């Protein structure tokens, strides 16, 4: 009986081992070596069939003379399509197609899921490390002050050269991109959808567009009586304490002492929330800003400027 159980246990472990090896083999077809810094090479993920490759921004130390090595060892020249230091994502363009593209998981990652970090930092082929997801977090602000939609933390070892490579599930689907620097406490994985959002912006503009109104502001608590009389539900808003000369806010008539309640219908209670609302395709567009001025509700259209 004991011997039978032992054989069954061996069979289960052997099956799991084979599944993990197959997952790495499948995922590694879309993992490339990125040669973009003086010291050791790093990894990248083929993101689209037309040759877009996602990698970590910090491993691309130069803008030119960039190459990648494909799974068959072939060296190919790539160009830098864009980079975003805040999210530690860079986008490379490889001419030609016929590449295996990373696939998105069918299910959301959860704490306890087995995962593998995969890299191709050199000519010896793909490498992998096994771990478990310990945390799937929500929106967070990087050390650069950039808001990222979510993050994943696991105990899969980020070996040297793994930055820019994928964290995969046991089917070989790409959960996200690994980075050894984007988190304040080191290794993190940026989830697939968050990476895709940044990659889309980089493809369109070469950078992630971040807007500004040209104001200095601070969070304030709104008076309960005033809120009740004006029918305002939110408890905090932003009071303008400084207006940049000839900036978007001044050009639209905003003044020191105005209290910003919403931007394009979205409540703002902190400076960070305001910055988050001003990113992306909203840059350059006229948005409605709801204000309190002299105890009365008013609205001003403001064209969002773009940070240099």
Protein backbone atom coordinates (compact mmCIF):
# COMPACT_ATOMS: atom_id res chain seq x y z
CA UNK A 1 0.00 0.00 0.00
CA UNK A 2 2.80 2.38 0.99
CA UNK A 3 4.76 1.49 -2.13
CA UNK A 4 1.70 2.19 -4.28
CA UNK A 5 1.23 5.61 -2.69
CA UNK A 6 4.91 6.34 -3.24
CA UNK A 7 4.63 5.46 -6.91
CA UNK A 8 1.55 7.66 -7.25
CA UNK A 9 3.37 10.58 -5.62
CA UNK A 10 6.28 10.15 -8.00
CA UNK A 11 3.83 10.11 -10.91
CA UNK A 12 2.18 13.35 -9.78
CA UNK A 13 5.52 15.12 -9.32
CA UNK A 14 6.79 13.85 -12.66
CA UNK A 15 3.62 15.08 -14.39
CA UNK A 16 3.91 18.50 -12.75
CA UNK A 17 7.58 18.72 -13.67
CA UNK A 18 6.81 17.97 -17.30
CA UNK A 19 4.02 20.54 -17.38
CA UNK A 20 6.31 23.23 -16.01
CA UNK A 21 9.04 22.35 -18.50
CA UNK A 22 6.51 22.49 -21.34
CA UNK A 23 5.29 25.89 -20.13
CA UNK A 24 8.82 27.28 -20.17
CA UNK A 25 9.48 25.80 -23.61
CA UNK A 26 6.30 27.39 -24.98
CA UNK A 27 6.85 30.79 -23.39
CA UNK A 28 10.54 30.95 -24.30
CA UNK A 29 9.64 31.05 -27.99
CA UNK A 30 8.53 34.66 -27.45
CA UNK A 31 11.48 35.61 -25.19
CA UNK A 32 14.54 37.29 -26.71
CA UNK A 33 17.92 38.45 -25.49
CA UNK A 34 18.17 42.26 -25.37
CA UNK A 35 21.61 43.79 -25.94
CA UNK A 36 21.29 47.38 -24.85
CA UNK A 37 23.73 47.98 -22.00
CA UNK A 38 27.43 47.67 -21.24
CA UNK A 39 27.19 44.84 -18.76
CA UNK A 40 25.30 41.59 -19.24
CA UNK A 41 22.39 41.34 -21.62
CA UNK A 42 18.78 41.20 -20.43
CA UNK A 43 15.50 39.77 -21.69
CA UNK A 44 12.54 40.95 -23.74
CA UNK A 45 9.09 39.74 -24.76
CA UNK A 46 7.76 39.65 -28.32
CA UNK A 47 4.55 41.64 -27.92
CA UNK A 48 3.11 41.78 -31.44
CA UNK A 49 3.34 39.88 -34.70
CA UNK A 50 4.81 42.91 -36.48
CA UNK A 51 7.94 42.85 -34.33
CA UNK A 52 7.25 44.97 -31.26
CA UNK A 53 9.29 43.82 -28.28
CA UNK A 54 8.66 44.89 -24.70
CA UNK A 55 11.54 45.03 -22.24
CA UNK A 56 12.60 46.86 -19.09
CA UNK A 57 13.62 50.45 -19.64
CA UNK A 58 16.60 50.26 -17.28
CA UNK A 59 18.29 47.56 -19.40
CA UNK A 60 18.21 49.79 -22.50
CA UNK A 61 20.98 52.22 -21.61
CA UNK A 62 21.41 53.63 -25.10
CA UNK A 63 19.07 54.79 -27.85
CA UNK A 64 21.02 53.34 -30.78
CA UNK A 65 23.12 50.28 -31.65
CA UNK A 66 20.52 47.94 -30.17
CA UNK A 67 20.22 44.26 -31.03
CA UNK A 68 18.27 41.24 -29.90
CA UNK A 69 19.02 37.56 -30.17
CA UNK A 70 16.12 35.34 -31.14
CA UNK A 71 15.50 31.84 -29.85
CA UNK A 72 17.56 30.31 -32.66
CA UNK A 73 20.53 32.53 -31.73
CA UNK A 74 20.09 34.89 -34.68
CA UNK A 75 21.16 38.47 -33.91
CA UNK A 76 18.83 41.15 -35.24
CA UNK A 77 19.02 44.94 -35.18
CA UNK A 78 16.17 46.75 -33.45
CA UNK A 79 15.20 50.39 -33.03
CA UNK A 80 13.91 52.10 -29.91
CA UNK A 81 10.21 52.85 -30.45
CA UNK A 82 9.73 54.52 -27.08
CA UNK A 83 10.49 54.35 -23.39
CA UNK A 84 8.83 55.22 -20.09
CA UNK A 85 11.15 55.53 -17.13
CA UNK A 86 8.28 55.77 -14.66
CA UNK A 87 6.92 52.28 -15.39
CA UNK A 88 10.34 50.88 -16.42
CA UNK A 89 9.03 49.80 -19.82
CA UNK A 90 10.76 50.23 -23.17
CA UNK A 91 9.45 49.29 -26.60
CA UNK A 92 11.72 47.99 -29.36
CA UNK A 93 10.87 47.50 -33.03
CA UNK A 94 12.19 44.54 -34.97
CA UNK A 95 11.71 44.55 -38.73
CA UNK A 96 9.99 41.43 -40.02
CA UNK A 97 7.42 39.08 -38.64
CA UNK A 98 7.08 35.30 -38.25
CA UNK A 99 7.72 35.67 -34.53
CA UNK A 100 5.99 33.82 -31.72
CA UNK A 101 3.97 36.35 -29.72
CA UNK A 102 3.38 36.24 -25.96
CA UNK A 103 -0.16 35.26 -25.01
CA UNK A 104 -2.33 36.69 -22.27
CA UNK A 105 -3.59 34.31 -19.54
CA UNK A 106 -7.21 33.15 -19.61
CA UNK A 107 -7.56 33.64 -15.84
CA UNK A 108 -6.50 36.41 -13.48
CA UNK A 109 -3.44 35.66 -11.33
CA UNK A 110 -4.13 35.01 -7.65
CA UNK A 111 -1.99 34.55 -4.54
CA UNK A 112 -0.98 30.90 -4.30
CA UNK A 113 -0.71 30.33 -8.06
CA UNK A 114 2.47 28.64 -9.23
CA UNK A 115 4.47 30.86 -11.61
CA UNK A 116 7.81 30.86 -13.41
CA UNK A 117 10.10 33.76 -14.20
CA UNK A 118 11.65 33.20 -17.63
CA UNK A 119 14.68 34.92 -19.08
CA UNK A 120 17.08 34.65 -21.99
CA UNK A 121 20.05 36.72 -20.82
CA UNK A 122 22.65 34.97 -22.96
CA UNK A 123 23.44 32.39 -25.61
CA UNK A 124 22.91 29.36 -23.38
CA UNK A 125 19.17 29.31 -24.00
CA UNK A 126 16.16 30.08 -21.83
CA UNK A 127 16.39 30.05 -18.04
CA UNK A 128 13.60 29.75 -15.50
CA UNK A 129 12.91 29.94 -11.79
CA UNK A 130 9.84 28.65 -9.97
CA UNK A 131 7.79 30.47 -7.36
CA UNK A 132 4.38 31.29 -5.95
CA UNK A 133 2.42 34.53 -6.25
CA UNK A 134 2.35 36.12 -2.82
CA UNK A 135 0.45 39.32 -3.63
CA UNK A 136 -1.65 40.85 -6.39
CA UNK A 137 -1.86 44.55 -5.62
CA UNK A 138 -3.98 47.37 -6.98
CA UNK A 139 -3.02 50.78 -8.32
CA UNK A 140 0.34 51.99 -6.98
CA UNK A 141 2.86 54.76 -7.46
CA UNK A 142 6.38 53.88 -8.54
CA UNK A 143 9.57 55.40 -7.16
CA UNK A 144 9.45 57.76 -10.17
CA UNK A 145 6.01 59.01 -9.12
CA UNK A 146 4.21 57.21 -11.96
CA UNK A 147 0.89 55.52 -11.31
CA UNK A 148 0.71 51.90 -12.50
CA UNK A 149 -2.60 50.07 -12.66
CA UNK A 150 -1.53 47.08 -10.56
CA UNK A 151 1.40 44.85 -9.67
CA UNK A 152 2.27 41.25 -8.84
CA UNK A 153 4.80 40.04 -6.29
CA UNK A 154 6.08 36.47 -6.29
CA UNK A 155 9.02 34.58 -4.83
CA UNK A 156 10.25 33.40 -8.23
CA UNK A 157 13.92 34.39 -8.33
CA UNK A 158 14.73 37.28 -10.67
CA UNK A 159 18.10 35.99 -11.80
CA UNK A 160 20.65 38.34 -13.43
CA UNK A 161 19.38 39.35 -16.86
CA UNK A 162 15.77 38.39 -16.14
CA UNK A 163 14.51 42.01 -16.16
CA UNK A 164 12.30 42.59 -19.18
CA UNK A 165 11.35 38.92 -19.39
CA UNK A 166 7.97 37.40 -18.56
CA UNK A 167 6.38 35.89 -15.50
CA UNK A 168 4.35 32.98 -16.84
CA UNK A 169 1.69 30.63 -15.55
CA UNK A 170 1.80 26.84 -15.74
CA UNK A 171 0.32 26.95 -19.26
CA UNK A 172 3.09 29.20 -20.58
CA UNK A 173 0.91 32.32 -20.85
CA UNK A 174 2.50 35.66 -19.97
CA UNK A 175 1.21 37.10 -16.71
CA UNK A 176 3.36 40.22 -16.98
CA UNK A 177 6.84 41.72 -17.37
CA UNK A 178 9.46 41.37 -14.64
CA UNK A 179 11.50 44.31 -13.37
CA UNK A 180 14.21 44.39 -10.72
CA UNK A 181 14.05 48.16 -10.24
CA UNK A 182 10.48 49.45 -10.61
CA UNK A 183 9.41 48.52 -7.08
CA UNK A 184 10.63 50.40 -4.02
CA UNK A 185 11.54 47.03 -2.49
CA UNK A 186 12.95 45.44 -5.60
CA UNK A 187 11.57 42.76 -7.89
CA UNK A 188 8.01 43.19 -9.15
CA UNK A 189 5.94 42.06 -12.12
CA UNK A 190 3.86 44.55 -14.08
CA UNK A 191 0.69 42.71 -15.22
CA UNK A 192 -0.03 42.02 -18.88
CA UNK A 193 -2.80 44.62 -19.28
CA UNK A 194 -0.76 47.36 -17.60
CA UNK A 195 2.21 46.59 -19.86
CA UNK A 196 -0.06 46.59 -22.89
CA UNK A 197 -1.47 50.00 -21.95
CA UNK A 198 2.01 51.51 -21.74
CA UNK A 199 3.14 49.73 -24.92
CA UNK A 200 0.15 51.15 -26.80
CA UNK A 201 1.05 54.68 -25.69
CA UNK A 202 4.70 54.19 -26.59
CA UNK A 203 3.78 52.88 -30.01
CA UNK A 204 1.57 55.89 -30.69
CA UNK A 205 3.69 58.67 -29.19
CA UNK A 206 7.10 57.26 -28.28
CA UNK A 207 6.35 58.11 -24.66
CA UNK A 208 3.53 58.06 -22.14
CA UNK A 209 1.88 61.45 -22.38
CA UNK A 210 1.36 63.12 -18.99
CA UNK A 211 -0.62 66.30 -18.69
CA UNK A 212 -0.70 69.28 -16.36
CA UNK A 213 -2.92 72.26 -15.58
CA UNK A 214 -0.19 74.63 -14.46
CA UNK A 215 -1.25 74.92 -10.84
CA UNK A 216 0.00 74.24 -7.35
CA UNK A 217 -2.67 72.68 -5.17
CA UNK A 218 -3.22 71.00 -1.85
CA UNK A 219 -5.91 68.71 -0.49
CA UNK A 220 -8.53 70.28 1.78
CA UNK A 221 -11.56 69.04 3.69
CA UNK A 222 -14.81 70.56 2.51
CA UNK A 223 -17.10 72.23 5.03
CA UNK A 224 -19.98 69.89 5.93
CA UNK A 225 -22.60 72.66 5.90
CA UNK A 226 -21.50 73.93 2.51
CA UNK A 227 -21.45 70.42 1.11
CA UNK A 228 -25.02 69.87 2.25
CA UNK A 229 -26.30 73.19 0.91
CA UNK A 230 -24.67 72.67 -2.50
CA UNK A 231 -25.39 68.95 -2.75
CA UNK A 232 -21.73 67.93 -2.88
CA UNK A 233 -21.02 64.34 -1.85
CA UNK A 234 -17.23 64.28 -1.78
CA UNK A 235 -15.50 65.22 1.46
CA UNK A 236 -12.16 66.44 0.13
CA UNK A 237 -11.04 68.45 -2.90
CA UNK A 238 -8.05 70.49 -4.13
CA UNK A 239 -7.56 74.18 -3.40
CA UNK A 240 -5.39 76.09 -5.88
CA UNK A 241 -2.50 77.79 -4.09
CA UNK A 242 -0.44 78.80 -7.12
CA UNK A 243 -1.15 79.47 -10.81
CA UNK A 244 1.60 79.22 -13.40
CA UNK A 245 1.79 82.34 -15.59
CA UNK A 246 0.38 81.69 -19.05
CA UNK A 247 -0.25 78.04 -18.16
CA UNK A 248 -3.42 76.10 -19.08
CA UNK A 249 -5.19 77.04 -15.84
CA UNK A 250 -4.47 80.77 -16.10
CA UNK A 251 -5.48 80.83 -19.77
CA UNK A 252 -8.83 79.34 -18.73
CA UNK A 253 -9.40 81.83 -15.90
CA UNK A 254 -8.67 79.59 -12.90
CA UNK A 255 -7.50 81.55 -9.86
CA UNK A 256 -5.77 81.07 -6.52
CA UNK A 257 -8.41 80.03 -4.01
CA UNK A 258 -10.54 78.10 -6.48
CA UNK A 259 -11.38 74.61 -5.19
CA UNK A 260 -11.27 71.87 -7.81
CA UNK A 261 -13.93 69.20 -7.27
CA UNK A 262 -13.81 67.15 -10.48
CA UNK A 263 -11.95 66.91 -13.78
CA UNK A 264 -14.06 65.55 -16.61
CA UNK A 265 -16.54 64.28 -14.04
CA UNK A 266 -13.92 62.41 -11.98
CA UNK A 267 -13.49 63.51 -8.37
CA UNK A 268 -10.07 64.72 -7.24
CA UNK A 269 -9.19 64.68 -3.55
CA UNK A 270 -5.38 64.60 -3.82
CA UNK A 271 -2.69 65.95 -6.12
CA UNK A 272 -1.85 62.34 -7.09
CA UNK A 273 -5.44 61.73 -8.22
CA UNK A 274 -5.33 64.89 -10.32
CA UNK A 275 -2.10 63.76 -11.99
CA UNK A 276 -3.58 60.34 -12.71
CA UNK A 277 -6.65 61.89 -14.36
CA UNK A 278 -4.48 64.04 -16.64
CA UNK A 279 -2.54 61.22 -18.33
CA UNK A 280 -2.99 59.58 -21.70
CA UNK A 281 -5.16 60.74 -24.58
CA UNK A 282 -6.70 63.51 -22.48
CA UNK A 283 -3.52 65.55 -23.07
CA UNK A 284 -4.24 68.39 -25.46
CA UNK A 285 -8.00 68.03 -25.00
CA UNK A 286 -10.39 70.51 -23.40
CA UNK A 287 -11.82 69.10 -20.17
CA UNK A 288 -14.55 70.39 -17.87
CA UNK A 289 -13.30 71.33 -14.40
CA UNK A 290 -15.95 71.70 -11.69
CA UNK A 291 -15.01 74.34 -9.13
CA UNK A 292 -16.04 76.03 -5.95
CA UNK A 293 -15.45 79.78 -6.24
CA UNK A 294 -16.60 82.12 -3.53
CA UNK A 295 -18.85 79.43 -2.11
CA UNK A 296 -20.61 78.84 -5.44
CA UNK A 297 -20.39 76.00 -7.94
CA UNK A 298 -19.01 76.86 -11.36
CA UNK A 299 -17.40 75.09 -14.30
CA UNK A 300 -14.44 76.01 -16.49
CA UNK A 301 -13.16 74.31 -19.63
CA UNK A 302 -9.38 73.81 -19.48
CA UNK A 303 -7.14 72.48 -22.24
CA UNK A 304 -4.72 70.03 -20.65
CA UNK A 305 -1.09 70.84 -21.31
CA UNK A 306 1.67 68.25 -21.82
CA UNK A 307 4.67 67.93 -19.53
CA UNK A 308 7.98 68.21 -21.31
